[in-house]
Amino acid sequence: MRTEQRARRRGPAGRRLSTRLIALLLAFLGIACLVIGAVSYTAMNASLTGQLRSQLTEASDRATSFRGPARGWEGHGSEDLYAEPGTASDGSEIPNPLNAPGQAAGTLNARIAGDGTVVGGLLDTSGAAVDLTAGDEEELTALEPGADAVELQLSAGDYLVVADSDQDGETVVTGLPLAGVHRTLTSMLLITAGVTGAALLLAGVLGSVAIRRTMRPLERVSAVATEVSRLDLGAGQLPAESRVAPEDSRPGTEVGAVGHALNRMLENVDAALTARQRSEDRMRAFVADASHELRTPLAAVRGYSDLMRWTEELSEDGVVSLSRIDTQAQRMGALVEDLLLLARLDEDHRPAEEEVDLTELVVENVTDLQVAAPGHRWALELPDEPVTALGDPRQLQRVLLNLLSNARKHTEEGTLVTTSLSASPDGREAVLSVVDDGPGIDPDFLPEVFSRFARADRARSGEAGTTGLGLAIVKAIVENHGGRIEVASRPGRTEFTVRLPLLGQGAERSGPEGPGTPAAPPPTP
């Protein structure tokens, strides 16, 4: 469960597959709603406008064919609904088209006489006539008879207006209000927007739940792959739980196919790691057994060479040959001892747990190297208080001697070798570094510098040959003590840095009130 939660949190915000799927779902649904709304709005607008045009044509026909001087309201008690006719410039009466029967509330009618007189108005909701403004009469007078209906913005609102000619050649203008159409379209837009918003919200919630439930098996597969990527494959075997669950590895589905393929791959990797581990174990056993068995014949060779030197009369060439035999036997013995030490370290033998004063260890060994290699310049940088670690003093001395010997063998005389010791800023580690100002390590060889039998004499000059096991032993001892070693090199500076856990609160004892005395530097040659 925790692995699955970590896998979910690792996805970048807004970029997880489930988030993208939900976003695409909402985008497509939004586009679909937009298209449906646009089509519905267009169709509704066309339908309402068509109905209004039909109503306008009928109202225009009634107004154009109206010839009577009155609507017949006189004497019927509804004189207030009667629209007064107009008077032309010659004194003749102009019928008011508002009196045409059947005109609905809101209808606009106007008759434009030949002399430009405008007679008419519009009907309010009670059927009473409302006069037109001068601006309205100017707009209506500009209309061409027989032309298509047009939309005009009048004082009473937006109108769909058409102009026709009657039998007398006068222009009759008829208009119907567009307010009803606009209200209907506005209501439709609001309803569509509300329904679209609700649909997107509902689709987002339900789609999120459905997609996340659908993606959950893929997240579990991803969590397994992520967990495997964090494993130390050098251990030689994959944990049994590093597999995709059976319900997520059925080839019948896309996710199941991925899980099944991942399981097959993990099985192949596990088999390869197991085979490699077995091979390494056999090789370590062989090296340990061979090294152990070689100690006896090597001791015998050295013993017989000493016996011959003491008991036999040898020529000068014989003495030289016997000396070479003894030298090579000693070198072979050192190599065998190194291989045995590496074999024991590979078996994770716990080092001896003793309190080791690293400051004293550094001073003693640098002083010894100063005497053994006076051609180099040796310097010390030590803290005011002792730095103490827990470990095997012989192995830790081997680490320091190998690093110092490495700097001596691979640099020319006159090279400055600086050994420094300090506590890390957090007070948890002892930091031991050996720095020389030699030519440096070849960058191509640097990644292999801690490998066994790795030698790059061409990169760092020196006369003494090496077996290539010194730095490998250093790395194995340091890691066996729970520490780590690093190397950084460039022309003029090569630095090996060893970090070891401090003993308890040993780092805190380096304060001004802690015990101990400052370490004295070695004598200057």
Protein backbone atom coordinates (compact mmCIF):
# COMPACT_ATOMS: atom_id res chain seq x y z
CA MET A 1 0.00 0.00 0.00
CA ARG A 2 2.81 2.44 0.86
CA THR A 3 4.59 1.56 -2.36
CA GLU A 4 1.44 2.33 -4.33
CA GLN A 5 0.99 5.64 -2.55
CA ARG A 6 4.60 6.60 -3.22
CA ALA A 7 4.15 5.72 -6.88
CA ARG A 8 1.11 7.98 -7.05
CA ARG A 9 2.91 10.87 -5.40
CA ARG A 10 5.87 10.57 -7.74
CA GLY A 11 3.83 11.52 -10.82
CA PRO A 12 4.39 15.17 -11.90
CA ALA A 13 1.45 17.42 -11.10
CA GLY A 14 -0.88 17.73 -14.11
CA ARG A 15 1.09 15.19 -16.14
CA ARG A 16 -0.07 11.85 -14.80
CA LEU A 17 -1.85 9.66 -17.30
CA SER A 18 -5.08 9.60 -15.29
CA THR A 19 -5.07 13.40 -15.04
CA ARG A 20 -4.49 13.74 -18.78
CA LEU A 21 -7.29 11.28 -19.53
CA ILE A 22 -9.72 13.22 -17.32
CA ALA A 23 -8.64 16.47 -18.96
CA LEU A 24 -9.15 14.97 -22.43
CA LEU A 25 -12.56 13.61 -21.41
CA LEU A 26 -13.67 17.01 -20.17
CA ALA A 27 -12.21 18.74 -23.23
CA PHE A 28 -14.04 16.45 -25.65
CA LEU A 29 -17.25 16.69 -23.66
CA GLY A 30 -16.92 20.48 -23.55
CA ILE A 31 -16.37 20.63 -27.31
CA ALA A 32 -19.36 18.35 -27.87
CA CYS A 33 -21.57 20.53 -25.64
CA LEU A 34 -20.31 23.65 -27.40
CA VAL A 35 -21.10 22.21 -30.82
CA ILE A 36 -24.53 21.00 -29.67
CA GLY A 37 -25.24 24.39 -28.10
CA ALA A 38 -24.12 26.27 -31.22
CA VAL A 39 -26.20 24.06 -33.51
CA SER A 40 -29.21 24.28 -31.22
CA TYR A 41 -28.86 28.06 -30.94
CA THR A 42 -28.59 28.42 -34.72
CA ALA A 43 -31.55 26.12 -35.35
CA MET A 44 -33.67 27.83 -32.68
CA ASN A 45 -32.78 31.27 -34.01
CA ALA A 46 -33.65 30.22 -37.55
CA SER A 47 -36.93 28.66 -36.39
CA LEU A 48 -38.03 31.64 -34.31
CA THR A 49 -36.96 34.11 -36.97
CA GLY A 50 -38.86 32.11 -39.59
CA GLN A 51 -41.99 32.11 -37.46
CA LEU A 52 -41.63 35.84 -36.85
CA ARG A 53 -41.22 36.49 -40.58
CA SER A 54 -44.40 34.51 -41.30
CA GLN A 55 -46.24 36.51 -38.66
CA LEU A 56 -44.78 39.70 -40.11
CA THR A 57 -45.95 38.81 -43.61
CA GLU A 58 -49.49 38.21 -42.34
CA ALA A 59 -49.50 41.42 -40.31
CA SER A 60 -48.15 43.33 -43.33
CA ASP A 61 -50.89 41.92 -45.56
CA ARG A 62 -53.57 43.00 -43.07
CA ALA A 63 -52.13 46.48 -42.77
CA THR A 64 -51.64 46.92 -46.54
CA SER A 65 -55.16 45.78 -47.43
CA PHE A 66 -56.79 47.94 -44.72
CA ARG A 67 -58.76 50.78 -46.38
CA GLY A 68 -61.39 51.71 -43.82
CA PRO A 69 -61.21 54.99 -42.00
CA ALA A 70 -61.71 53.28 -38.64
CA ARG A 71 -61.43 49.96 -36.82
CA GLY A 72 -65.13 50.01 -36.01
CA TRP A 73 -64.68 50.97 -32.36
CA GLU A 74 -66.90 54.06 -32.47
CA GLY A 75 -70.04 53.53 -30.54
CA HIS A 76 -68.79 50.36 -28.94
CA GLY A 77 -67.34 51.83 -25.75
CA SER A 78 -63.78 51.31 -26.78
CA GLU A 79 -62.93 54.61 -28.40
CA ASP A 80 -59.66 54.75 -26.45
CA LEU A 81 -58.41 51.90 -28.61
CA TYR A 82 -59.13 53.74 -31.80
CA ALA A 83 -56.11 55.14 -33.66
CA GLU A 84 -56.79 58.54 -35.18
CA PRO A 85 -56.26 58.76 -38.96
CA GLY A 86 -53.82 61.26 -40.41
CA THR A 87 -54.41 64.22 -42.71
CA ALA A 88 -52.49 64.74 -45.93
CA SER A 89 -51.26 68.13 -47.11
CA ASP A 90 -54.25 68.41 -49.44
CA GLY A 91 -56.62 67.87 -46.50
CA SER A 92 -57.55 64.28 -47.40
CA GLU A 93 -57.77 61.68 -44.68
CA ILE A 94 -55.01 59.04 -44.43
CA PRO A 95 -56.21 55.72 -42.89
CA ASN A 96 -54.21 54.62 -39.86
CA PRO A 97 -52.97 51.02 -40.43
CA LEU A 98 -53.04 50.40 -36.69
CA ASN A 99 -56.81 50.14 -37.00
CA ALA A 100 -56.44 47.04 -39.22
CA PRO A 101 -58.19 44.12 -37.55
CA GLY A 102 -56.16 41.26 -36.03
CA GLN A 103 -52.99 43.18 -35.23
CA ALA A 104 -51.29 41.81 -32.09
CA ALA A 105 -49.90 43.78 -29.20
CA GLY A 106 -46.46 45.18 -30.01
CA THR A 107 -47.17 45.44 -33.73
CA LEU A 108 -45.78 48.50 -35.48
CA ASN A 109 -47.72 49.97 -38.43
CA ALA A 110 -47.12 53.16 -40.32
CA ARG A 111 -48.48 54.55 -43.59
CA ILE A 112 -46.25 56.95 -45.47
CA ALA A 113 -48.22 59.20 -47.80
CA GLY A 114 -46.87 60.59 -51.02
CA ASP A 115 -46.12 63.94 -49.40
CA GLY A 116 -44.03 62.21 -46.70
CA THR A 117 -46.68 62.28 -43.98
CA VAL A 118 -46.29 59.37 -41.57
CA VAL A 119 -49.42 58.02 -39.94
CA GLY A 120 -49.22 55.14 -37.49
CA GLY A 121 -47.50 53.89 -34.36
CA LEU A 122 -47.34 50.75 -32.37
CA LEU A 123 -49.74 48.87 -30.13
CA ASP A 124 -48.96 48.42 -26.47
CA THR A 125 -49.96 45.39 -24.40
CA SER A 126 -53.46 46.86 -23.82
CA GLY A 127 -54.02 47.48 -27.51
CA ALA A 128 -53.72 51.27 -27.24
CA ALA A 129 -51.79 53.15 -29.94
CA VAL A 130 -48.40 54.64 -29.05
CA ASP A 131 -47.00 57.36 -31.29
CA LEU A 132 -43.67 57.01 -33.03
CA THR A 133 -40.78 59.29 -32.28
CA ALA A 134 -39.22 61.50 -34.93
CA GLY A 135 -36.18 59.20 -35.02
CA ASP A 136 -38.42 56.18 -35.57
CA GLU A 137 -40.25 57.95 -38.46
CA GLU A 138 -36.88 58.81 -40.04
CA GLU A 139 -35.76 55.16 -39.86
CA LEU A 140 -39.05 53.91 -41.34
CA THR A 141 -39.13 56.50 -44.12
CA ALA A 142 -35.73 55.26 -45.38
CA LEU A 143 -37.08 51.74 -46.06
CA GLU A 144 -37.55 50.57 -49.66
CA PRO A 145 -40.94 48.96 -50.43
CA GLY A 146 -40.69 45.32 -51.53
CA ALA A 147 -37.29 44.79 -49.93
CA ASP A 148 -36.57 41.98 -47.48
CA ALA A 149 -37.42 42.46 -43.85
CA VAL A 150 -34.66 44.13 -41.82
CA GLU A 151 -33.91 44.51 -38.14
CA LEU A 152 -34.11 48.05 -36.77
CA GLN A 153 -33.34 49.41 -33.34
CA LEU A 154 -36.23 51.74 -32.52
CA SER A 155 -37.18 53.63 -29.38
CA ALA A 156 -39.43 50.75 -28.31
CA GLY A 157 -36.70 48.13 -28.88
CA ASP A 158 -35.50 45.89 -31.69
CA TYR A 159 -38.00 45.25 -34.47
CA LEU A 160 -38.16 43.15 -37.60
CA VAL A 161 -39.59 45.57 -40.16
CA VAL A 162 -40.82 45.25 -43.76
CA ALA A 163 -42.20 47.87 -46.17
CA ASP A 164 -44.85 47.21 -48.86
CA SER A 165 -46.92 49.35 -51.22
CA ASP A 166 -50.69 49.41 -51.14
CA GLN A 167 -53.08 49.89 -54.05
CA ASP A 168 -52.74 53.69 -53.86
CA GLY A 169 -48.95 53.50 -54.15
CA GLU A 170 -48.43 54.51 -50.55
CA THR A 171 -45.85 52.75 -48.43
CA VAL A 172 -47.10 50.71 -45.50
CA VAL A 173 -44.50 49.69 -42.94
CA THR A 174 -45.13 46.76 -40.60
CA GLY A 175 -42.90 45.57 -37.78
CA LEU A 176 -42.95 42.95 -35.05
CA PRO A 177 -40.83 43.10 -31.89
CA LEU A 178 -37.74 40.86 -31.59
CA ALA A 179 -37.82 40.91 -27.78
CA GLY A 180 -39.59 37.55 -27.57
CA VAL A 181 -37.04 35.92 -29.87
CA HIS A 182 -34.17 37.43 -27.87
CA ARG A 183 -35.66 36.29 -24.57
CA THR A 184 -36.12 32.77 -25.86
CA LEU A 185 -32.55 32.59 -27.22
CA THR A 186 -31.13 34.06 -24.01
CA SER A 187 -33.02 31.51 -21.92
CA MET A 188 -31.78 28.78 -24.19
CA LEU A 189 -28.17 29.97 -23.80
CA LEU A 190 -28.47 30.07 -20.01
CA ILE A 191 -30.06 26.63 -19.88
CA THR A 192 -27.41 25.22 -22.24
CA ALA A 193 -24.59 26.76 -20.20
CA GLY A 194 -26.07 25.43 -16.95
CA VAL A 195 -26.59 21.94 -18.35
CA THR A 196 -23.09 21.96 -19.88
CA GLY A 197 -21.50 23.04 -16.60
CA ALA A 198 -23.40 20.40 -14.65
CA ALA A 199 -22.53 17.76 -17.25
CA LEU A 200 -18.82 18.69 -17.13
CA LEU A 201 -18.82 18.64 -13.33
CA LEU A 202 -20.61 15.29 -13.18
CA ALA A 203 -18.41 13.85 -15.93
CA GLY A 204 -15.31 15.11 -14.15
CA VAL A 205 -16.28 13.51 -10.85
CA LEU A 206 -17.54 10.22 -12.27
CA GLY A 207 -14.81 10.10 -14.92
CA SER A 208 -12.13 10.73 -12.30
CA VAL A 209 -13.43 7.89 -10.15
CA ALA A 210 -13.79 5.53 -13.11
CA ILE A 211 -10.43 6.37 -14.68
CA ARG A 212 -8.54 6.17 -11.39
CA ARG A 213 -10.09 2.80 -10.63
CA THR A 214 -9.21 1.66 -14.14
CA MET A 215 -5.64 2.99 -13.83
CA ARG A 216 -5.07 1.47 -10.39
CA PRO A 217 -3.65 -1.83 -11.77
CA LEU A 218 -1.24 0.16 -13.97
CA GLU A 219 -0.16 2.16 -10.92
CA ARG A 220 0.54 -1.07 -9.07
CA VAL A 221 2.60 -2.34 -12.01
CA SER A 222 4.46 0.98 -12.08
CA ALA A 223 5.07 0.75 -8.33
CA VAL A 224 6.65 -2.70 -8.75
CA ALA A 225 8.89 -1.42 -11.58
CA THR A 226 9.90 1.60 -9.50
CA GLU A 227 10.66 -0.57 -6.47
CA VAL A 228 12.83 -2.88 -8.57
CA SER A 229 14.70 0.09 -10.04
CA ARG A 230 15.70 1.11 -6.51
CA LEU A 231 17.02 -2.31 -5.53
CA ASP A 232 20.72 -3.03 -5.26
CA LEU A 233 21.11 -5.61 -8.00
CA GLY A 234 24.60 -6.35 -6.74
CA ALA A 235 22.98 -8.40 -3.98
CA GLY A 236 22.68 -11.21 -6.51
CA GLN A 237 18.95 -11.91 -6.28
CA LEU A 238 15.61 -10.13 -6.55
CA PRO A 239 13.26 -10.34 -3.56
CA ALA A 240 10.33 -12.68 -4.09
CA GLU A 241 7.84 -9.85 -3.45
CA SER A 242 9.28 -7.84 -6.37
CA ARG A 243 6.71 -9.22 -8.75
CA VAL A 244 3.43 -8.01 -10.22
CA ALA A 245 0.39 -9.53 -8.49
CA PRO A 246 -1.44 -12.29 -10.43
CA GLU A 247 -4.58 -10.18 -10.87
CA ASP A 248 -2.46 -7.49 -12.58
CA SER A 249 -0.49 -9.84 -14.84
CA ARG A 250 -3.21 -11.55 -16.89
CA PRO A 251 -2.32 -11.18 -20.61
CA GLY A 252 -5.99 -10.71 -21.55
CA THR A 253 -5.89 -6.94 -20.92
CA GLU A 254 -3.45 -4.20 -21.88
CA VAL A 255 -2.34 -3.63 -18.28
CA GLY A 256 -2.22 -7.36 -17.67
CA ALA A 257 0.00 -7.78 -20.74
CA VAL A 258 2.39 -5.16 -19.36
CA GLY A 259 2.40 -6.81 -15.94
CA HIS A 260 2.96 -10.24 -17.48
CA ALA A 261 5.85 -8.95 -19.61
CA LEU A 262 7.37 -7.23 -16.55
CA ASN A 263 7.16 -10.45 -14.53
CA ARG A 264 8.83 -12.40 -17.34
CA MET A 265 11.59 -9.80 -17.54
CA LEU A 266 12.08 -9.86 -13.76
CA GLU A 267 12.30 -13.65 -13.81
CA ASN A 268 14.98 -13.47 -16.51
CA VAL A 269 16.87 -10.81 -14.56
CA ASP A 270 16.58 -12.84 -11.36
CA ALA A 271 17.88 -15.94 -13.14
CA ALA A 272 20.81 -13.97 -14.58
CA LEU A 273 21.61 -12.42 -11.18
CA THR A 274 21.44 -15.81 -9.50
CA ALA A 275 23.76 -17.32 -12.09
CA ARG A 276 26.16 -14.39 -11.73
CA GLN A 277 26.11 -14.66 -7.95
CA ARG A 278 26.84 -18.37 -8.11
CA SER A 279 29.71 -17.72 -10.50
CA GLU A 280 31.10 -15.00 -8.22
CA ASP A 281 30.75 -17.25 -5.18
CA ARG A 282 32.59 -20.05 -6.94
CA MET A 283 35.28 -17.61 -8.05
CA ARG A 284 35.70 -16.23 -4.54
CA ALA A 285 35.87 -19.75 -3.13
CA PHE A 286 38.43 -20.69 -5.76
CA VAL A 287 40.55 -17.58 -5.08
CA ALA A 288 40.38 -18.15 -1.32
CA ASP A 289 41.21 -21.86 -1.63
CA ALA A 290 43.94 -21.26 -4.17
CA SER A 291 45.48 -18.47 -2.12
CA HIS A 292 45.35 -20.59 0.99
CA GLU A 293 46.92 -23.57 -0.77
CA LEU A 294 49.63 -21.42 -2.35
CA ARG A 295 50.89 -20.22 1.03
CA THR A 296 52.50 -23.61 1.82
CA PRO A 297 54.47 -24.08 -1.45
CA LEU A 298 55.53 -20.42 -1.37
CA ALA A 299 56.81 -20.86 2.17
CA ALA A 300 58.63 -23.98 1.02
CA VAL A 301 60.21 -22.12 -1.93
CA ARG A 302 61.45 -19.37 0.35
CA GLY A 303 62.68 -21.91 2.90
CA TYR A 304 64.64 -23.89 0.31
CA SER A 305 66.11 -20.72 -1.16
CA ASP A 306 67.32 -19.69 2.30
CA LEU A 307 68.70 -23.21 2.89
CA MET A 308 70.61 -23.11 -0.39
CA ARG A 309 71.98 -19.67 0.42
CA TRP A 310 73.25 -20.89 3.81
CA THR A 311 74.53 -24.35 2.88
CA GLU A 312 75.64 -24.26 -0.76
CA GLU A 313 78.61 -22.68 -2.50
CA LEU A 314 77.06 -20.67 -5.34
CA SER A 315 78.59 -18.74 -8.19
CA GLU A 316 77.88 -15.05 -8.62
CA ASP A 317 75.17 -15.82 -11.18
CA GLY A 318 73.72 -18.42 -8.82
CA VAL A 319 73.56 -15.90 -5.98
CA VAL A 320 71.80 -13.41 -8.24
CA SER A 321 69.35 -16.05 -9.47
CA LEU A 322 68.63 -17.23 -5.92
CA SER A 323 68.06 -13.63 -4.87
CA ARG A 324 65.59 -13.17 -7.73
CA ILE A 325 63.80 -16.35 -6.68
CA ASP A 326 63.50 -15.07 -3.14
CA THR A 327 62.28 -11.63 -4.30
CA GLN A 328 59.62 -13.07 -6.58
CA ALA A 329 58.53 -15.51 -3.87
CA GLN A 330 58.08 -12.60 -1.47
CA ARG A 331 56.09 -10.71 -4.10
CA MET A 332 53.98 -13.79 -4.77
CA GLY A 333 53.41 -14.19 -1.04
CA ALA A 334 52.25 -10.57 -0.74
CA LEU A 335 49.87 -11.09 -3.65
CA VAL A 336 48.48 -14.26 -2.05
CA GLU A 337 47.94 -12.43 1.24
CA ASP A 338 46.12 -9.62 -0.57
CA LEU A 339 43.87 -12.11 -2.35
CA LEU A 340 43.11 -13.86 0.94
CA LEU A 341 42.25 -10.53 2.57
CA LEU A 342 39.91 -9.60 -0.29
CA ALA A 343 38.27 -13.03 -0.11
CA ARG A 344 37.62 -12.57 3.62
CA LEU A 345 36.27 -9.05 3.07
CA ASP A 346 33.98 -10.33 0.30
CA GLU A 347 32.49 -12.75 2.80
CA ASP A 348 31.39 -9.73 4.90
CA HIS A 349 33.55 -10.67 7.88
CA ARG A 350 32.84 -8.16 10.61
CA PRO A 351 36.00 -6.18 11.46
CA ALA A 352 37.32 -6.04 14.98
CA GLU A 353 35.56 -3.37 16.99
CA GLU A 354 38.23 -1.42 18.80
CA GLU A 355 38.58 2.23 19.58
CA VAL A 356 41.03 3.65 17.04
CA ASP A 357 42.61 7.08 17.41
CA LEU A 358 42.77 8.15 13.77
CA THR A 359 44.87 11.19 14.60
CA GLU A 360 47.62 9.07 16.11
CA LEU A 361 47.34 6.57 13.26
CA VAL A 362 47.84 9.34 10.67
CA VAL A 363 50.82 10.89 12.49
CA GLU A 364 52.64 7.56 12.91
CA ASN A 365 52.18 6.35 9.34
CA VAL A 366 52.98 9.65 7.67
CA THR A 367 56.13 9.86 9.80
CA ASP A 368 57.10 6.34 8.70
CA LEU A 369 56.53 7.21 5.02
CA GLN A 370 58.55 10.39 5.45
CA VAL A 371 61.52 8.28 6.51
CA ALA A 372 60.92 5.61 3.84
CA ALA A 373 60.41 8.08 0.98
CA PRO A 374 62.44 11.22 1.72
CA GLY A 375 62.27 12.27 -1.93
CA HIS A 376 58.61 13.32 -1.49
CA ARG A 377 57.36 16.19 0.57
CA TRP A 378 54.90 15.14 3.27
CA ALA A 379 52.45 17.49 5.02
CA LEU A 380 49.79 17.06 7.71
CA GLU A 381 46.55 18.92 8.41
CA LEU A 382 45.08 17.71 11.71
CA PRO A 383 42.37 18.93 14.10
CA ASP A 384 43.16 20.26 17.56
CA GLU A 385 41.45 17.29 19.22
CA PRO A 386 41.73 13.54 18.50
CA VAL A 387 39.28 11.96 16.05
CA THR A 388 38.23 8.47 17.14
CA ALA A 389 36.49 5.73 15.18
CA LEU A 390 35.44 2.15 15.91
CA GLY A 391 37.08 -0.56 13.83
CA ASP A 392 40.06 -2.82 13.20
CA PRO A 393 43.27 -0.79 13.73
CA ARG A 394 45.33 -3.06 11.45
CA GLN A 395 42.86 -2.79 8.59
CA LEU A 396 42.51 0.98 9.00
CA GLN A 397 46.29 1.26 9.03
CA ARG A 398 46.31 -0.77 5.81
CA VAL A 399 43.92 1.76 4.27
CA LEU A 400 46.16 4.70 5.13
CA LEU A 401 49.39 2.94 4.12
CA ASN A 402 47.93 1.88 0.78
CA LEU A 403 46.79 5.44 -0.01
CA LEU A 404 50.14 6.92 1.00
CA SER A 405 52.05 4.21 -0.87
CA ASN A 406 49.82 4.78 -3.91
CA ALA A 407 50.72 8.50 -3.88
CA ARG A 408 54.43 7.66 -3.51
CA LYS A 409 54.59 5.02 -6.25
CA HIS A 410 52.71 6.95 -8.89
CA THR A 411 54.29 10.39 -8.51
CA GLU A 412 57.75 11.77 -9.08
CA GLU A 413 60.14 12.80 -6.31
CA GLY A 414 59.47 16.27 -5.01
CA THR A 415 55.69 15.78 -5.13
CA LEU A 416 53.81 17.25 -2.17
CA VAL A 417 51.55 14.71 -0.45
CA THR A 418 49.14 16.24 2.08
CA THR A 419 47.26 14.06 4.56
CA SER A 420 44.36 15.75 6.35
CA LEU A 421 41.94 14.55 9.01
CA SER A 422 38.79 16.24 10.28
CA ALA A 423 35.24 15.63 11.46
CA SER A 424 32.35 16.25 9.08
CA PRO A 425 30.18 19.34 9.69
CA ASP A 426 27.36 17.20 11.08
CA GLY A 427 29.75 15.50 13.51
CA ARG A 428 28.93 11.96 12.33
CA GLU A 429 31.89 11.07 10.13
CA ALA A 430 35.66 11.23 10.19
CA VAL A 431 37.01 12.62 6.91
CA LEU A 432 40.50 11.40 5.94
CA SER A 433 42.00 12.67 2.69
CA VAL A 434 45.30 12.13 0.90
CA VAL A 435 46.09 14.77 -1.72
CA ASP A 436 49.08 14.97 -4.06
CA ASP A 437 50.04 17.51 -6.71
CA GLY A 438 51.18 14.89 -9.21
CA PRO A 439 50.11 14.57 -12.86
CA GLY A 440 46.69 13.14 -12.00
CA ILE A 441 44.72 10.09 -13.11
CA ASP A 442 43.60 9.57 -16.69
CA PRO A 443 39.86 10.46 -16.84
CA ASP A 444 39.18 7.28 -18.84
CA PHE A 445 40.74 5.17 -16.08
CA LEU A 446 39.15 7.04 -13.17
CA PRO A 447 35.90 4.95 -13.05
CA GLU A 448 37.99 1.74 -12.77
CA VAL A 449 40.50 2.97 -10.22
CA PHE A 450 39.03 0.79 -7.42
CA SER A 451 38.68 -2.32 -9.60
CA ARG A 452 40.82 -5.36 -8.87
CA PHE A 453 44.01 -5.73 -10.90
CA ALA A 454 43.34 -2.30 -12.39
CA ARG A 455 46.60 -0.63 -13.36
CA ALA A 456 47.17 2.54 -15.34
CA ASP A 457 50.90 3.19 -14.99
CA ARG A 458 50.78 5.31 -18.13
CA ALA A 459 48.46 7.77 -16.37
CA ARG A 460 50.67 8.38 -13.33
CA SER A 461 54.40 8.08 -13.66
CA GLY A 462 56.38 5.83 -11.34
CA GLU A 463 59.02 3.18 -11.29
CA ALA A 464 57.60 0.66 -8.83
CA GLY A 465 55.28 -1.97 -10.28
CA THR A 466 51.93 -2.72 -8.62
CA THR A 467 49.52 -5.61 -8.58
CA GLY A 468 46.43 -3.42 -8.90
CA LEU A 469 44.92 -4.70 -5.65
CA GLY A 470 45.85 -1.88 -3.27
CA LEU A 471 42.90 0.46 -3.93
CA ALA A 472 40.50 -2.48 -4.23
CA ILE A 473 41.57 -3.55 -0.72
CA VAL A 474 41.14 0.02 0.53
CA LYS A 475 37.61 0.21 -0.84
CA ALA A 476 36.66 -3.21 0.60
CA ILE A 477 38.01 -2.34 4.08
CA VAL A 478 36.33 1.08 4.15
CA GLU A 479 32.96 -0.33 3.08
CA ASN A 480 33.32 -3.17 5.57
CA HIS A 481 33.66 -0.49 8.28
CA GLY A 482 30.43 1.22 7.12
CA GLY A 483 32.24 4.03 5.33
CA ARG A 484 32.85 5.12 1.76
CA ILE A 485 35.77 6.32 -0.36
CA GLU A 486 35.80 8.86 -3.19
CA VAL A 487 38.40 10.04 -5.66
CA ALA A 488 38.71 13.27 -7.63
CA SER A 489 41.59 13.94 -9.98
CA ARG A 490 42.83 16.53 -12.42
CA PRO A 491 46.33 17.50 -13.55
CA GLY A 492 48.13 18.88 -10.51
CA ARG A 493 45.72 17.50 -7.88
CA THR A 494 44.56 14.00 -7.01
CA GLU A 495 42.49 13.53 -3.86
CA PHE A 496 41.33 10.33 -2.19
CA THR A 497 38.72 10.96 0.52
CA VAL A 498 37.74 8.33 3.10
CA ARG A 499 34.67 8.84 5.28
CA LEU A 500 34.27 6.63 8.37
CA PRO A 501 31.60 6.70 11.09
CA LEU A 502 32.84 8.38 14.25
CA LEU A 503 32.83 6.59 17.57
CA GLY A 504 29.64 7.64 19.43
CA GLN A 505 29.89 11.38 20.04
CA GLY A 506 33.61 11.43 19.38
CA ALA A 507 33.24 14.35 16.98
CA GLU A 508 31.85 16.48 19.80
CA ARG A 509 35.05 16.00 21.80
CA SER A 510 36.94 18.23 19.40
CA GLY A 511 35.66 21.37 21.16
CA PRO A 512 37.86 23.68 23.17
CA GLU A 513 37.02 21.89 26.43
CA GLY A 514 37.51 18.33 25.09
CA PRO A 515 40.37 16.12 26.17
CA GLY A 516 43.46 15.52 24.13
CA THR A 517 46.43 17.52 22.90
CA PRO A 518 47.14 18.87 19.44
CA ALA A 519 48.99 16.46 17.19
CA ALA A 520 52.49 17.50 16.30
CA PRO A 521 53.46 17.54 12.61
CA PRO A 522 56.23 15.20 11.47
CA PRO A 523 59.76 16.54 11.40
CA THR A 524 60.81 18.41 8.30
CA PRO A 525 63.38 16.51 6.22
